[in-house]
């Protein structure tokens, strides 16, 4: 149960990081149409993508474990 809560908390924290840190910087540093992307924009774009991938993987881990617990009828084997 504790592992499940840790994963859910991690997804929540990653979501907050994306919404409150990377997305505003991403928009602020976005080049105008026709301009070349700056180094800072490319860096924040990579960080944003990495956080999105981490959040998605955490979600799939949680969903897969939850699905497996429904199939096997026991949460104990998955979270303890």
Protein backbone atom coordinates (compact mmCIF):
# COMPACT_ATOMS: atom_id res chain seq x y z
CA UNK A 1 0.00 0.00 0.00
CA UNK A 2 2.85 2.36 0.82
CA UNK A 3 4.51 1.76 -2.56
CA UNK A 4 1.24 2.58 -4.30
CA UNK A 5 0.95 5.85 -2.38
CA UNK A 6 4.54 6.73 -3.23
CA UNK A 7 3.88 6.20 -6.95
CA UNK A 8 0.67 8.23 -6.83
CA UNK A 9 2.48 10.99 -4.93
CA UNK A 10 5.27 10.95 -7.50
CA UNK A 11 2.78 11.36 -10.35
CA UNK A 12 1.20 14.26 -8.47
CA UNK A 13 4.58 15.96 -7.92
CA UNK A 14 5.62 15.46 -11.56
CA UNK A 15 2.31 17.00 -12.65
CA UNK A 16 2.92 20.03 -10.43
CA UNK A 17 6.43 20.43 -11.82
CA UNK A 18 5.11 20.32 -15.36
CA UNK A 19 2.24 22.72 -14.76
CA UNK A 20 4.03 25.25 -12.58
CA UNK A 21 7.62 25.21 -13.81
CA UNK A 22 8.29 23.75 -17.24
CA UNK A 23 5.15 24.81 -19.14
CA UNK A 24 5.38 28.51 -18.21
CA UNK A 25 9.09 28.58 -19.10
CA UNK A 26 8.37 26.62 -22.28
CA UNK A 27 5.82 29.23 -23.39
CA UNK A 28 8.00 32.16 -22.32
CA UNK A 29 11.04 30.92 -24.24
CA UNK A 30 9.16 29.74 -27.34
CA UNK A 31 10.57 31.40 -30.46
CA UNK A 32 8.35 33.52 -32.66
CA UNK A 33 7.33 32.04 -35.98
CA UNK A 34 10.30 31.87 -38.29
CA UNK A 35 12.90 32.45 -35.55
CA UNK A 36 15.52 29.95 -34.54
CA UNK A 37 15.05 28.22 -31.16
CA UNK A 38 17.40 29.41 -28.42
CA UNK A 39 19.59 27.12 -26.34
CA UNK A 40 17.40 27.85 -23.29
CA UNK A 41 14.27 26.86 -25.20
CA UNK A 42 15.81 23.58 -26.37
CA UNK A 43 16.91 22.79 -22.80
CA UNK A 44 13.48 23.46 -21.29
CA UNK A 45 11.87 21.50 -24.13
CA UNK A 46 14.01 18.46 -23.23
CA UNK A 47 13.23 18.84 -19.52
CA UNK A 48 9.52 19.15 -20.28
CA UNK A 49 9.58 16.03 -22.45
CA UNK A 50 11.50 14.08 -19.80
CA UNK A 51 8.97 14.99 -17.11
CA UNK A 52 6.09 14.04 -19.40
CA UNK A 53 7.70 10.64 -20.05
CA UNK A 54 8.34 10.06 -16.34
CA UNK A 55 4.75 10.95 -15.46
CA UNK A 56 3.39 8.69 -18.17
CA UNK A 57 5.56 5.75 -17.12
CA UNK A 58 4.53 6.18 -13.48
CA UNK A 59 0.90 6.24 -14.53
CA UNK A 60 1.31 3.03 -16.54
CA UNK A 61 3.03 1.33 -13.61
CA UNK A 62 0.17 2.28 -11.30
CA UNK A 63 -2.47 1.27 -13.82
CA UNK A 64 -0.74 -2.03 -14.63
CA UNK A 65 -0.39 -2.94 -10.96
CA UNK A 66 -4.01 -2.00 -10.30
CA UNK A 67 -5.18 -4.09 -13.27
CA UNK A 68 -3.10 -7.05 -12.14
CA UNK A 69 -4.52 -6.77 -8.63
CA UNK A 70 -8.04 -6.96 -10.07
CA UNK A 71 -7.17 -10.03 -12.11
CA UNK A 72 -5.42 -11.83 -9.26
CA UNK A 73 -7.81 -10.59 -6.58
CA UNK A 74 -5.06 -9.58 -4.19
CA UNK A 75 -3.29 -6.30 -3.70
CA UNK A 76 -0.85 -7.78 -1.18
CA UNK A 77 1.35 -9.45 -3.80
CA UNK A 78 1.78 -6.22 -5.74
CA UNK A 79 2.35 -3.58 -3.07
CA UNK A 80 4.00 -5.38 -0.17
